[in-house]
């Protein structure tokens, strides 16, 4: 049996599969990995396209759209491979991409997840927003990457080609040990989409595992395939899920103070949206905080984490907006 499953979650993405899936199939060694599409209740002709144009690709048919998080949970629960790669449907892979990731996992039993270098599919000399070359979390819970801080994305000049431990690996191309993924609870289905891989990596690290970036592996991500930047729905999910992530993963002692600070910062973001007449985003932020207050109760029975993994991290807001440090290498 092959030890690796490359799983692509699809929802009404027939055109996306026609564009990206051929390269994934070509560059993924058939003797080492199964390429699997988990169809999230598509209503377009996705299943027909898979059957007629990609006969070598295995298919998992889900009965409805479970969202990114729960869709992947169901897919990984239905396979038996040792390793699984969660690969976005808008990612093109390159020759050797899987070898470097598998070597990292095989050589380091304490690594539970890793990601490749993620470059833009449209500007291949640039990092891609969603993960770049490995992610971190600042002391207030803001995610950033080697190669991307907030909206500033760097050119890839080889400056981050060294493998490194990171706080989180991108869900755009995320290799995991399937056993540890399931033991940690998988992606949080309540998140639906956005921040769910950061939350998972945080939980894996709390369990004593490392998360790595392996720049020798390269993929090219289109980005915005589900929700484009500036979409109020994306704003809502990012703000709500970030608060839920902090509530779940911070030690109970000190959590209240951290959330007060973060919610004050979110209020500033809301005020900026109002001042710039971004009414959709302003409403989305209010809804995110309202739903956070309701949803957090589901996590009240969880044991308190034993360590605060972001207490010593930098303040990205200050570095970026006040000190003008918009590249990771300058932090």
C-alpha atoms as a PDB file:
ATOM      1  CA  UNK A   1       0.000   0.000   0.000  1.00  0.00           C
ATOM      2  CA  UNK A   2       1.221   3.510  -0.781  1.00  0.00           C
ATOM      3  CA  UNK A   3       2.055   5.507   2.312  1.00  0.00           C
ATOM      4  CA  UNK A   4       0.879   8.929   1.106  1.00  0.00           C
ATOM      5  CA  UNK A   5      -2.458  10.365   0.044  1.00  0.00           C
ATOM      6  CA  UNK A   6      -2.525  13.707  -1.774  1.00  0.00           C
ATOM      7  CA  UNK A   7      -6.065  14.879  -1.066  1.00  0.00           C
ATOM      8  CA  UNK A   8      -7.660  17.750  -2.962  1.00  0.00           C
ATOM      9  CA  UNK A   9     -10.947  19.067  -1.625  1.00  0.00           C
ATOM     10  CA  UNK A  10     -13.240  20.186  -4.435  1.00  0.00           C
ATOM     11  CA  UNK A  11     -16.492  22.080  -4.491  1.00  0.00           C
ATOM     12  CA  UNK A  12     -17.864  23.082  -7.885  1.00  0.00           C
ATOM     13  CA  UNK A  13     -14.313  23.374  -9.180  1.00  0.00           C
ATOM     14  CA  UNK A  14     -14.389  21.542 -12.493  1.00  0.00           C
ATOM     15  CA  UNK A  15     -12.585  24.367 -14.296  1.00  0.00           C
ATOM     16  CA  UNK A  16      -9.992  24.623 -11.527  1.00  0.00           C
ATOM     17  CA  UNK A  17      -9.313  20.901 -11.724  1.00  0.00           C
ATOM     18  CA  UNK A  18      -8.846  21.059 -15.480  1.00  0.00           C
ATOM     19  CA  UNK A  19      -6.258  23.793 -14.949  1.00  0.00           C
ATOM     20  CA  UNK A  20      -4.272  22.420 -11.994  1.00  0.00           C
ATOM     21  CA  UNK A  21      -4.912  18.706 -11.574  1.00  0.00           C
ATOM     22  CA  UNK A  22      -2.910  17.556 -14.645  1.00  0.00           C
ATOM     23  CA  UNK A  23       0.292  19.022 -13.174  1.00  0.00           C
ATOM     24  CA  UNK A  24      -0.402  17.429  -9.782  1.00  0.00           C
ATOM     25  CA  UNK A  25      -0.897  14.017 -11.381  1.00  0.00           C
ATOM     26  CA  UNK A  26       2.200  14.406 -13.569  1.00  0.00           C
ATOM     27  CA  UNK A  27       4.553  15.503 -10.783  1.00  0.00           C
ATOM     28  CA  UNK A  28       3.308  13.141  -8.058  1.00  0.00           C
ATOM     29  CA  UNK A  29       5.008   9.713  -8.289  1.00  0.00           C
ATOM     30  CA  UNK A  30       2.209   7.185  -8.845  1.00  0.00           C
ATOM     31  CA  UNK A  31       4.191   4.464  -7.086  1.00  0.00           C
ATOM     32  CA  UNK A  32       4.445   6.518  -3.890  1.00  0.00           C
ATOM     33  CA  UNK A  33       1.179   8.400  -3.528  1.00  0.00           C
ATOM     34  CA  UNK A  34      -2.497   8.247  -4.373  1.00  0.00           C
ATOM     35  CA  UNK A  35      -3.962  11.456  -5.762  1.00  0.00           C
ATOM     36  CA  UNK A  36      -7.472  11.708  -4.337  1.00  0.00           C
ATOM     37  CA  UNK A  37     -10.198  14.281  -4.910  1.00  0.00           C
ATOM     38  CA  UNK A  38     -12.706  14.613  -2.064  1.00  0.00           C
ATOM     39  CA  UNK A  39     -15.787  16.149  -3.627  1.00  0.00           C
ATOM     40  CA  UNK A  40     -17.638  18.385  -1.168  1.00  0.00           C
ATOM     41  CA  UNK A  41     -21.147  17.949  -2.556  1.00  0.00           C
ATOM     42  CA  UNK A  42     -20.503  19.675  -5.880  1.00  0.00           C
ATOM     43  CA  UNK A  43     -23.493  20.606  -8.047  1.00  0.00           C
ATOM     44  CA  UNK A  44     -21.485  21.282 -11.216  1.00  0.00           C
ATOM     45  CA  UNK A  45     -19.997  18.608 -13.480  1.00  0.00           C
ATOM     46  CA  UNK A  46     -16.983  17.922 -11.277  1.00  0.00           C
ATOM     47  CA  UNK A  47     -17.645  14.207 -10.860  1.00  0.00           C
ATOM     48  CA  UNK A  48     -18.162  13.761 -14.590  1.00  0.00           C
ATOM     49  CA  UNK A  49     -14.916  15.600 -15.350  1.00  0.00           C
ATOM     50  CA  UNK A  50     -13.022  13.401 -12.883  1.00  0.00           C
ATOM     51  CA  UNK A  51     -14.449  10.197 -14.328  1.00  0.00           C
ATOM     52  CA  UNK A  52     -13.834  11.126 -17.955  1.00  0.00           C
ATOM     53  CA  UNK A  53     -10.632  13.154 -17.846  1.00  0.00           C
ATOM     54  CA  UNK A  54      -8.769  11.905 -14.744  1.00  0.00           C
ATOM     55  CA  UNK A  55      -9.345   8.148 -14.517  1.00  0.00           C
ATOM     56  CA  UNK A  56      -6.209   7.614 -12.399  1.00  0.00           C
ATOM     57  CA  UNK A  57      -7.462   9.944  -9.660  1.00  0.00           C
ATOM     58  CA  UNK A  58      -9.374   8.323  -6.819  1.00  0.00           C
ATOM     59  CA  UNK A  59     -12.580  10.046  -5.682  1.00  0.00           C
ATOM     60  CA  UNK A  60     -14.254  10.403  -2.293  1.00  0.00           C
ATOM     61  CA  UNK A  61     -17.840  11.636  -2.667  1.00  0.00           C
ATOM     62  CA  UNK A  62     -19.212  13.628   0.274  1.00  0.00           C
ATOM     63  CA  UNK A  63     -22.961  14.145   0.468  1.00  0.00           C
ATOM     64  CA  UNK A  64     -22.844  17.925   0.972  1.00  0.00           C
ATOM     65  CA  UNK A  65     -20.516  20.888   1.352  1.00  0.00           C
ATOM     66  CA  UNK A  66     -18.940  20.427   4.780  1.00  0.00           C
ATOM     67  CA  UNK A  67     -16.586  23.363   4.359  1.00  0.00           C
ATOM     68  CA  UNK A  68     -12.813  23.180   4.161  1.00  0.00           C
ATOM     69  CA  UNK A  69     -12.252  21.948   7.701  1.00  0.00           C
ATOM     70  CA  UNK A  70     -14.853  19.218   8.107  1.00  0.00           C
ATOM     71  CA  UNK A  71     -14.528  18.189   4.469  1.00  0.00           C
ATOM     72  CA  UNK A  72     -10.876  17.337   5.026  1.00  0.00           C
ATOM     73  CA  UNK A  73     -11.635  15.637   8.345  1.00  0.00           C
ATOM     74  CA  UNK A  74     -14.034  13.275   6.632  1.00  0.00           C
ATOM     75  CA  UNK A  75     -11.624  12.640   3.787  1.00  0.00           C
ATOM     76  CA  UNK A  76      -8.680  11.813   6.069  1.00  0.00           C
ATOM     77  CA  UNK A  77     -10.858   9.586   8.239  1.00  0.00           C
ATOM     78  CA  UNK A  78     -11.768   7.523   5.176  1.00  0.00           C
ATOM     79  CA  UNK A  79      -8.194   6.694   4.061  1.00  0.00           C
ATOM     80  CA  UNK A  80      -5.483   4.623   5.742  1.00  0.00           C
ATOM     81  CA  UNK A  81      -2.265   6.228   4.487  1.00  0.00           C
ATOM     82  CA  UNK A  82       0.506   7.127   6.927  1.00  0.00           C
ATOM     83  CA  UNK A  83       0.895  10.618   5.480  1.00  0.00           C
ATOM     84  CA  UNK A  84      -1.643  12.918   3.892  1.00  0.00           C
ATOM     85  CA  UNK A  85      -1.187  16.144   1.969  1.00  0.00           C
ATOM     86  CA  UNK A  86      -4.057  18.599   2.122  1.00  0.00           C
ATOM     87  CA  UNK A  87      -3.685  20.318  -1.234  1.00  0.00           C
ATOM     88  CA  UNK A  88      -5.831  23.181  -2.454  1.00  0.00           C
ATOM     89  CA  UNK A  89      -7.505  22.709  -5.830  1.00  0.00           C
ATOM     90  CA  UNK A  90      -5.770  25.861  -7.143  1.00  0.00           C
ATOM     91  CA  UNK A  91      -2.215  24.643  -6.502  1.00  0.00           C
ATOM     92  CA  UNK A  92       0.249  23.535  -9.198  1.00  0.00           C
ATOM     93  CA  UNK A  93       3.004  21.239  -7.978  1.00  0.00           C
ATOM     94  CA  UNK A  94       6.557  20.954  -9.314  1.00  0.00           C
ATOM     95  CA  UNK A  95       8.932  18.062  -9.975  1.00  0.00           C
ATOM     96  CA  UNK A  96      10.188  16.574  -6.723  1.00  0.00           C
ATOM     97  CA  UNK A  97       7.729  18.492  -4.583  1.00  0.00           C
ATOM     98  CA  UNK A  98       6.560  15.432  -2.660  1.00  0.00           C
ATOM     99  CA  UNK A  99       9.996  13.866  -2.132  1.00  0.00           C
ATOM    100  CA  UNK A 100      11.346  16.698   0.014  1.00  0.00           C
ATOM    101  CA  UNK A 101       8.241  16.777   2.211  1.00  0.00           C
ATOM    102  CA  UNK A 102       8.261  13.007   2.754  1.00  0.00           C
ATOM    103  CA  UNK A 103      11.968  13.043   3.580  1.00  0.00           C
ATOM    104  CA  UNK A 104      11.339  15.658   6.270  1.00  0.00           C
ATOM    105  CA  UNK A 105       8.625  13.539   7.883  1.00  0.00           C
ATOM    106  CA  UNK A 106      10.513  10.246   7.611  1.00  0.00           C
ATOM    107  CA  UNK A 107      13.729  11.675   9.056  1.00  0.00           C
ATOM    108  CA  UNK A 108      12.078  13.483  11.983  1.00  0.00           C
ATOM    109  CA  UNK A 109       9.548  11.525  14.029  1.00  0.00           C
ATOM    110  CA  UNK A 110       8.702  14.609  16.083  1.00  0.00           C
ATOM    111  CA  UNK A 111       7.524  16.581  13.030  1.00  0.00           C
ATOM    112  CA  UNK A 112       3.755  16.233  12.703  1.00  0.00           C
ATOM    113  CA  UNK A 113       3.211  18.672   9.830  1.00  0.00           C
ATOM    114  CA  UNK A 114       5.159  20.529   7.176  1.00  0.00           C
ATOM    115  CA  UNK A 115       4.641  22.700   4.126  1.00  0.00           C
ATOM    116  CA  UNK A 116       6.575  23.512   0.933  1.00  0.00           C
ATOM    117  CA  UNK A 117       7.629  26.949  -0.231  1.00  0.00           C
ATOM    118  CA  UNK A 118       4.435  28.459  -1.648  1.00  0.00           C
ATOM    119  CA  UNK A 119       4.838  30.802  -4.597  1.00  0.00           C
ATOM    120  CA  UNK A 120       2.275  32.676  -6.662  1.00  0.00           C
ATOM    121  CA  UNK A 121       0.849  30.775  -9.633  1.00  0.00           C
ATOM    122  CA  UNK A 122       0.562  34.046 -11.561  1.00  0.00           C
ATOM    123  CA  UNK A 123       3.863  35.672 -10.540  1.00  0.00           C
ATOM    124  CA  UNK A 124       6.175  32.773  -9.884  1.00  0.00           C
ATOM    125  CA  UNK A 125       8.995  34.925  -8.537  1.00  0.00           C
ATOM    126  CA  UNK A 126       6.750  36.118  -5.697  1.00  0.00           C
ATOM    127  CA  UNK A 127       5.676  34.385  -2.518  1.00  0.00           C
ATOM    128  CA  UNK A 128       1.981  33.645  -2.228  1.00  0.00           C
ATOM    129  CA  UNK A 129      -0.058  35.251   0.528  1.00  0.00           C
ATOM    130  CA  UNK A 130      -1.464  32.052   2.046  1.00  0.00           C
ATOM    131  CA  UNK A 131       1.570  30.552   3.755  1.00  0.00           C
ATOM    132  CA  UNK A 132       4.561  31.878   1.783  1.00  0.00           C
ATOM    133  CA  UNK A 133       7.583  30.157   3.379  1.00  0.00           C
ATOM    134  CA  UNK A 134       6.114  29.155   6.735  1.00  0.00           C
ATOM    135  CA  UNK A 135       3.914  30.902   9.271  1.00  0.00           C
ATOM    136  CA  UNK A 136       4.170  32.448  12.722  1.00  0.00           C
ATOM    137  CA  UNK A 137       1.763  34.052  15.207  1.00  0.00           C
ATOM    138  CA  UNK A 138       2.473  37.312  16.997  1.00  0.00           C
ATOM    139  CA  UNK A 139       1.688  37.960  20.647  1.00  0.00           C
ATOM    140  CA  UNK A 140      -1.808  39.240  19.794  1.00  0.00           C
ATOM    141  CA  UNK A 141      -2.675  36.295  17.562  1.00  0.00           C
ATOM    142  CA  UNK A 142      -1.983  37.876  14.161  1.00  0.00           C
ATOM    143  CA  UNK A 143      -0.556  35.377  11.654  1.00  0.00           C
ATOM    144  CA  UNK A 144       2.368  36.312   9.405  1.00  0.00           C
ATOM    145  CA  UNK A 145       4.914  34.438   7.294  1.00  0.00           C
ATOM    146  CA  UNK A 146       8.453  34.274   6.079  1.00  0.00           C
ATOM    147  CA  UNK A 147       7.779  36.215   2.899  1.00  0.00           C
ATOM    148  CA  UNK A 148       4.495  37.897   3.831  1.00  0.00           C
ATOM    149  CA  UNK A 149       3.446  40.272   6.603  1.00  0.00           C
ATOM    150  CA  UNK A 150      -0.161  41.479   6.432  1.00  0.00           C
ATOM    151  CA  UNK A 151      -0.641  42.582   2.815  1.00  0.00           C
ATOM    152  CA  UNK A 152       3.055  42.951   1.969  1.00  0.00           C
ATOM    153  CA  UNK A 153       4.276  39.975  -0.068  1.00  0.00           C
ATOM    154  CA  UNK A 154       7.984  39.607  -0.841  1.00  0.00           C
ATOM    155  CA  UNK A 155       9.819  38.505  -3.942  1.00  0.00           C
ATOM    156  CA  UNK A 156      11.471  35.105  -3.579  1.00  0.00           C
ATOM    157  CA  UNK A 157      15.216  35.733  -3.830  1.00  0.00           C
ATOM    158  CA  UNK A 158      16.198  32.557  -1.996  1.00  0.00           C
ATOM    159  CA  UNK A 159      16.319  34.481   1.285  1.00  0.00           C
ATOM    160  CA  UNK A 160      14.199  31.889   3.097  1.00  0.00           C
ATOM    161  CA  UNK A 161      15.512  28.705   1.514  1.00  0.00           C
ATOM    162  CA  UNK A 162      16.674  27.274   4.834  1.00  0.00           C
ATOM    163  CA  UNK A 163      14.288  24.718   6.383  1.00  0.00           C
ATOM    164  CA  UNK A 164      12.891  25.969   9.673  1.00  0.00           C
ATOM    165  CA  UNK A 165      10.562  25.258  12.553  1.00  0.00           C
ATOM    166  CA  UNK A 166       7.444  27.399  12.230  1.00  0.00           C
ATOM    167  CA  UNK A 167       4.305  28.025  14.252  1.00  0.00           C
ATOM    168  CA  UNK A 168       1.990  26.936  11.467  1.00  0.00           C
ATOM    169  CA  UNK A 169       2.030  25.453   8.003  1.00  0.00           C
ATOM    170  CA  UNK A 170      -0.357  26.572   5.299  1.00  0.00           C
ATOM    171  CA  UNK A 171      -3.498  24.616   4.533  1.00  0.00           C
ATOM    172  CA  UNK A 172      -2.883  25.337   0.854  1.00  0.00           C
ATOM    173  CA  UNK A 173      -0.303  22.520   0.852  1.00  0.00           C
ATOM    174  CA  UNK A 174      -0.116  20.850   4.247  1.00  0.00           C
ATOM    175  CA  UNK A 175       1.515  17.455   4.820  1.00  0.00           C
ATOM    176  CA  UNK A 176       0.526  15.743   8.074  1.00  0.00           C
ATOM    177  CA  UNK A 177       0.998  12.472   9.852  1.00  0.00           C
ATOM    178  CA  UNK A 178      -2.536  11.198   9.521  1.00  0.00           C
ATOM    179  CA  UNK A 179      -2.479   9.469  12.914  1.00  0.00           C
ATOM    180  CA  UNK A 180      -1.400  12.649  14.727  1.00  0.00           C
ATOM    181  CA  UNK A 181      -3.833  14.759  12.715  1.00  0.00           C
ATOM    182  CA  UNK A 182      -6.723  12.597  13.895  1.00  0.00           C
ATOM    183  CA  UNK A 183      -5.400  12.340  17.476  1.00  0.00           C
ATOM    184  CA  UNK A 184      -5.302  16.138  17.705  1.00  0.00           C
ATOM    185  CA  UNK A 185      -8.921  16.325  16.546  1.00  0.00           C
ATOM    186  CA  UNK A 186      -8.212  17.340  12.966  1.00  0.00           C
ATOM    187  CA  UNK A 187      -9.292  20.698  11.623  1.00  0.00           C
ATOM    188  CA  UNK A 188     -11.989  22.380  13.700  1.00  0.00           C
ATOM    189  CA  UNK A 189     -15.185  21.943  11.684  1.00  0.00           C
ATOM    190  CA  UNK A 190     -16.801  24.878  13.495  1.00  0.00           C
ATOM    191  CA  UNK A 191     -14.312  27.180  11.776  1.00  0.00           C
ATOM    192  CA  UNK A 192     -15.715  26.126   8.365  1.00  0.00           C
ATOM    193  CA  UNK A 193     -12.764  27.838   6.614  1.00  0.00           C
ATOM    194  CA  UNK A 194      -9.869  30.233   7.396  1.00  0.00           C
ATOM    195  CA  UNK A 195      -7.436  29.949  10.336  1.00  0.00           C
ATOM    196  CA  UNK A 196      -8.281  26.260  10.741  1.00  0.00           C
ATOM    197  CA  UNK A 197      -4.774  25.070   9.817  1.00  0.00           C
ATOM    198  CA  UNK A 198      -3.183  27.568  12.214  1.00  0.00           C
ATOM    199  CA  UNK A 199      -5.397  26.249  14.992  1.00  0.00           C
ATOM    200  CA  UNK A 200      -4.481  22.654  14.121  1.00  0.00           C
ATOM    201  CA  UNK A 201      -0.743  23.378  14.082  1.00  0.00           C
ATOM    202  CA  UNK A 202      -1.050  25.170  17.417  1.00  0.00           C
ATOM    203  CA  UNK A 203      -2.685  22.064  18.914  1.00  0.00           C
ATOM    204  CA  UNK A 204      -0.038  19.793  17.413  1.00  0.00           C
ATOM    205  CA  UNK A 205       2.696  21.918  18.960  1.00  0.00           C
ATOM    206  CA  UNK A 206       0.939  21.869  22.327  1.00  0.00           C
ATOM    207  CA  UNK A 207       1.071  18.060  22.033  1.00  0.00           C
ATOM    208  CA  UNK A 208       4.868  18.253  21.750  1.00  0.00           C
ATOM    209  CA  UNK A 209       5.308  18.031  17.979  1.00  0.00           C
ATOM    210  CA  UNK A 210       7.156  20.343  15.617  1.00  0.00           C
ATOM    211  CA  UNK A 211       5.856  22.008  12.465  1.00  0.00           C
ATOM    212  CA  UNK A 212       8.314  22.697   9.624  1.00  0.00           C
ATOM    213  CA  UNK A 213       8.702  24.459   6.311  1.00  0.00           C
ATOM    214  CA  UNK A 214      10.678  22.642   3.613  1.00  0.00           C
ATOM    215  CA  UNK A 215      11.675  25.183   0.922  1.00  0.00           C
ATOM    216  CA  UNK A 216      13.276  22.512  -1.276  1.00  0.00           C
ATOM    217  CA  UNK A 217       9.698  21.590  -2.134  1.00  0.00           C
ATOM    218  CA  UNK A 218       7.915  24.229  -4.250  1.00  0.00           C
ATOM    219  CA  UNK A 219       4.301  24.671  -5.257  1.00  0.00           C
ATOM    220  CA  UNK A 220       2.436  27.479  -6.990  1.00  0.00           C
ATOM    221  CA  UNK A 221      -0.826  28.723  -5.499  1.00  0.00           C
ATOM    222  CA  UNK A 222      -3.396  30.814  -7.331  1.00  0.00           C
ATOM    223  CA  UNK A 223      -5.038  32.039  -4.111  1.00  0.00           C
ATOM    224  CA  UNK A 224      -8.491  33.492  -3.603  1.00  0.00           C
ATOM    225  CA  UNK A 225     -10.007  30.405  -5.149  1.00  0.00           C
ATOM    226  CA  UNK A 226     -12.735  30.201  -2.517  1.00  0.00           C
ATOM    227  CA  UNK A 227     -13.140  33.727  -1.197  1.00  0.00           C
ATOM    228  CA  UNK A 228     -11.192  36.666  -2.658  1.00  0.00           C
ATOM    229  CA  UNK A 229      -9.500  39.310  -0.519  1.00  0.00           C
ATOM    230  CA  UNK A 230     -11.896  42.041   0.506  1.00  0.00           C
ATOM    231  CA  UNK A 231     -14.892  39.721   0.634  1.00  0.00           C
ATOM    232  CA  UNK A 232     -16.924  40.457   3.820  1.00  0.00           C
ATOM    233  CA  UNK A 233     -17.499  36.740   4.319  1.00  0.00           C
ATOM    234  CA  UNK A 234     -13.724  36.246   4.445  1.00  0.00           C
ATOM    235  CA  UNK A 235     -13.409  39.157   6.873  1.00  0.00           C
ATOM    236  CA  UNK A 236     -16.062  37.586   9.093  1.00  0.00           C
ATOM    237  CA  UNK A 237     -14.402  34.158   9.146  1.00  0.00           C
ATOM    238  CA  UNK A 238     -10.921  35.555   9.787  1.00  0.00           C
ATOM    239  CA  UNK A 239     -11.992  37.736  12.715  1.00  0.00           C
ATOM    240  CA  UNK A 240     -14.313  35.147  14.274  1.00  0.00           C
ATOM    241  CA  UNK A 241     -11.945  32.217  13.888  1.00  0.00           C
ATOM    242  CA  UNK A 242      -8.947  34.140  15.188  1.00  0.00           C
ATOM    243  CA  UNK A 243     -10.808  34.860  18.421  1.00  0.00           C
ATOM    244  CA  UNK A 244     -11.913  31.230  18.712  1.00  0.00           C
ATOM    245  CA  UNK A 245      -8.352  30.068  18.103  1.00  0.00           C
ATOM    246  CA  UNK A 246      -7.003  32.255  20.901  1.00  0.00           C
ATOM    247  CA  UNK A 247      -9.778  31.171  23.252  1.00  0.00           C
ATOM    248  CA  UNK A 248      -9.019  27.488  22.617  1.00  0.00           C
ATOM    249  CA  UNK A 249      -5.240  27.513  22.703  1.00  0.00           C
ATOM    250  CA  UNK A 250      -4.184  30.072  25.281  1.00  0.00           C
ATOM    251  CA  UNK A 251      -3.811  28.946  28.917  1.00  0.00           C
ATOM    252  CA  UNK A 252      -6.888  29.891  30.909  1.00  0.00           C
ATOM    253  CA  UNK A 253      -4.730  32.047  33.156  1.00  0.00           C
ATOM    254  CA  UNK A 254      -4.088  35.217  31.179  1.00  0.00           C
ATOM    255  CA  UNK A 255      -6.516  34.348  28.390  1.00  0.00           C
ATOM    256  CA  UNK A 256      -9.078  36.956  29.402  1.00  0.00           C
ATOM    257  CA  UNK A 257      -6.499  39.768  29.312  1.00  0.00           C
ATOM    258  CA  UNK A 258      -5.195  38.648  25.920  1.00  0.00           C
ATOM    259  CA  UNK A 259      -8.695  38.564  24.465  1.00  0.00           C
ATOM    260  CA  UNK A 260      -9.524  42.016  25.833  1.00  0.00           C
ATOM    261  CA  UNK A 261      -6.450  43.425  24.081  1.00  0.00           C
ATOM    262  CA  UNK A 262      -7.279  41.613  20.862  1.00  0.00           C
ATOM    263  CA  UNK A 263     -10.893  42.775  20.878  1.00  0.00           C
ATOM    264  CA  UNK A 264      -9.738  46.353  21.405  1.00  0.00           C
ATOM    265  CA  UNK A 265      -7.492  45.987  18.367  1.00  0.00           C
ATOM    266  CA  UNK A 266     -10.442  44.588  16.411  1.00  0.00           C
ATOM    267  CA  UNK A 267     -12.460  47.634  17.436  1.00  0.00           C
ATOM    268  CA  UNK A 268      -9.796  49.814  15.838  1.00  0.00           C
ATOM    269  CA  UNK A 269     -10.063  47.708  12.677  1.00  0.00           C
ATOM    270  CA  UNK A 270     -13.844  48.165  12.752  1.00  0.00           C
ATOM    271  CA  UNK A 271     -13.456  51.937  13.158  1.00  0.00           C
ATOM    272  CA  UNK A 272     -11.102  52.018  10.174  1.00  0.00           C
ATOM    273  CA  UNK A 273     -13.657  50.136   8.079  1.00  0.00           C
ATOM    274  CA  UNK A 274     -16.323  52.665   9.021  1.00  0.00           C
ATOM    275  CA  UNK A 275     -14.031  55.622   8.325  1.00  0.00           C
ATOM    276  CA  UNK A 276     -13.190  54.244   4.864  1.00  0.00           C
ATOM    277  CA  UNK A 277     -16.834  53.376   4.150  1.00  0.00           C
ATOM    278  CA  UNK A 278     -16.112  49.648   3.998  1.00  0.00           C
ATOM    279  CA  UNK A 279     -19.549  48.874   5.365  1.00  0.00           C
ATOM    280  CA  UNK A 280     -19.455  45.166   4.493  1.00  0.00           C
ATOM    281  CA  UNK A 281     -16.268  44.646   6.493  1.00  0.00           C
ATOM    282  CA  UNK A 282     -17.563  46.741   9.392  1.00  0.00           C
ATOM    283  CA  UNK A 283     -20.699  44.629   9.666  1.00  0.00           C
ATOM    284  CA  UNK A 284     -18.641  41.440   9.280  1.00  0.00           C
ATOM    285  CA  UNK A 285     -16.416  42.384  12.243  1.00  0.00           C
ATOM    286  CA  UNK A 286     -19.443  43.041  14.457  1.00  0.00           C
ATOM    287  CA  UNK A 287     -20.993  39.713  13.437  1.00  0.00           C
ATOM    288  CA  UNK A 288     -17.685  37.937  14.085  1.00  0.00           C
ATOM    289  CA  UNK A 289     -17.545  39.206  17.662  1.00  0.00           C
ATOM    290  CA  UNK A 290     -21.206  38.412  18.272  1.00  0.00           C
ATOM    291  CA  UNK A 291     -20.800  34.845  17.044  1.00  0.00           C
ATOM    292  CA  UNK A 292     -17.541  34.397  18.935  1.00  0.00           C
ATOM    293  CA  UNK A 293     -19.365  35.134  22.185  1.00  0.00           C
ATOM    294  CA  UNK A 294     -21.902  32.430  21.327  1.00  0.00           C
ATOM    295  CA  UNK A 295     -19.525  29.816  19.908  1.00  0.00           C
ATOM    296  CA  UNK A 296     -16.817  29.987  22.571  1.00  0.00           C
ATOM    297  CA  UNK A 297     -19.059  28.132  25.023  1.00  0.00           C
ATOM    298  CA  UNK A 298     -18.472  24.929  23.071  1.00  0.00           C
ATOM    299  CA  UNK A 299     -14.810  25.039  24.174  1.00  0.00           C
ATOM    300  CA  UNK A 300     -15.363  25.755  27.869  1.00  0.00           C
ATOM    301  CA  UNK A 301     -14.852  22.129  28.856  1.00  0.00           C
ATOM    302  CA  UNK A 302     -11.427  21.850  27.259  1.00  0.00           C
ATOM    303  CA  UNK A 303      -8.442  21.519  29.634  1.00  0.00           C
ATOM    304  CA  UNK A 304      -6.222  24.536  29.955  1.00  0.00           C
ATOM    305  CA  UNK A 305      -3.156  24.393  27.668  1.00  0.00           C
ATOM    306  CA  UNK A 306       0.056  23.969  29.623  1.00  0.00           C
ATOM    307  CA  UNK A 307       2.037  26.638  27.761  1.00  0.00           C
ATOM    308  CA  UNK A 308       1.483  30.019  26.152  1.00  0.00           C
ATOM    309  CA  UNK A 309       3.132  29.571  22.760  1.00  0.00           C
ATOM    310  CA  UNK A 310       2.783  33.212  21.695  1.00  0.00           C
ATOM    311  CA  UNK A 311       3.779  35.071  24.864  1.00  0.00           C
ATOM    312  CA  UNK A 312       7.319  35.792  23.663  1.00  0.00           C
ATOM    313  CA  UNK A 313       6.487  36.549  20.055  1.00  0.00           C
ATOM    314  CA  UNK A 314       6.905  40.014  18.475  1.00  0.00           C
ATOM    315  CA  UNK A 315       4.197  42.639  18.113  1.00  0.00           C
ATOM    316  CA  UNK A 316       3.641  42.655  14.356  1.00  0.00           C
ATOM    317  CA  UNK A 317       1.273  45.642  14.400  1.00  0.00           C
ATOM    318  CA  UNK A 318       3.943  47.858  15.949  1.00  0.00           C
ATOM    319  CA  UNK A 319       6.724  46.506  13.728  1.00  0.00           C
ATOM    320  CA  UNK A 320       4.703  46.840  10.536  1.00  0.00           C
ATOM    321  CA  UNK A 321       2.739  50.053  10.969  1.00  0.00           C
ATOM    322  CA  UNK A 322       4.948  52.119  13.301  1.00  0.00           C
ATOM    323  CA  UNK A 323       8.455  50.880  12.474  1.00  0.00           C
ATOM    324  CA  UNK A 324       7.851  50.163   8.794  1.00  0.00           C
ATOM    325  CA  UNK A 325       9.253  46.630   8.961  1.00  0.00           C
ATOM    326  CA  UNK A 326       7.362  44.942   6.151  1.00  0.00           C
ATOM    327  CA  UNK A 327       9.712  42.034   5.472  1.00  0.00           C
ATOM    328  CA  UNK A 328      10.207  39.034   7.725  1.00  0.00           C
ATOM    329  CA  UNK A 329      13.987  39.327   7.522  1.00  0.00           C
ATOM    330  CA  UNK A 330      13.801  42.788   9.121  1.00  0.00           C
ATOM    331  CA  UNK A 331      11.969  41.665  12.250  1.00  0.00           C
END
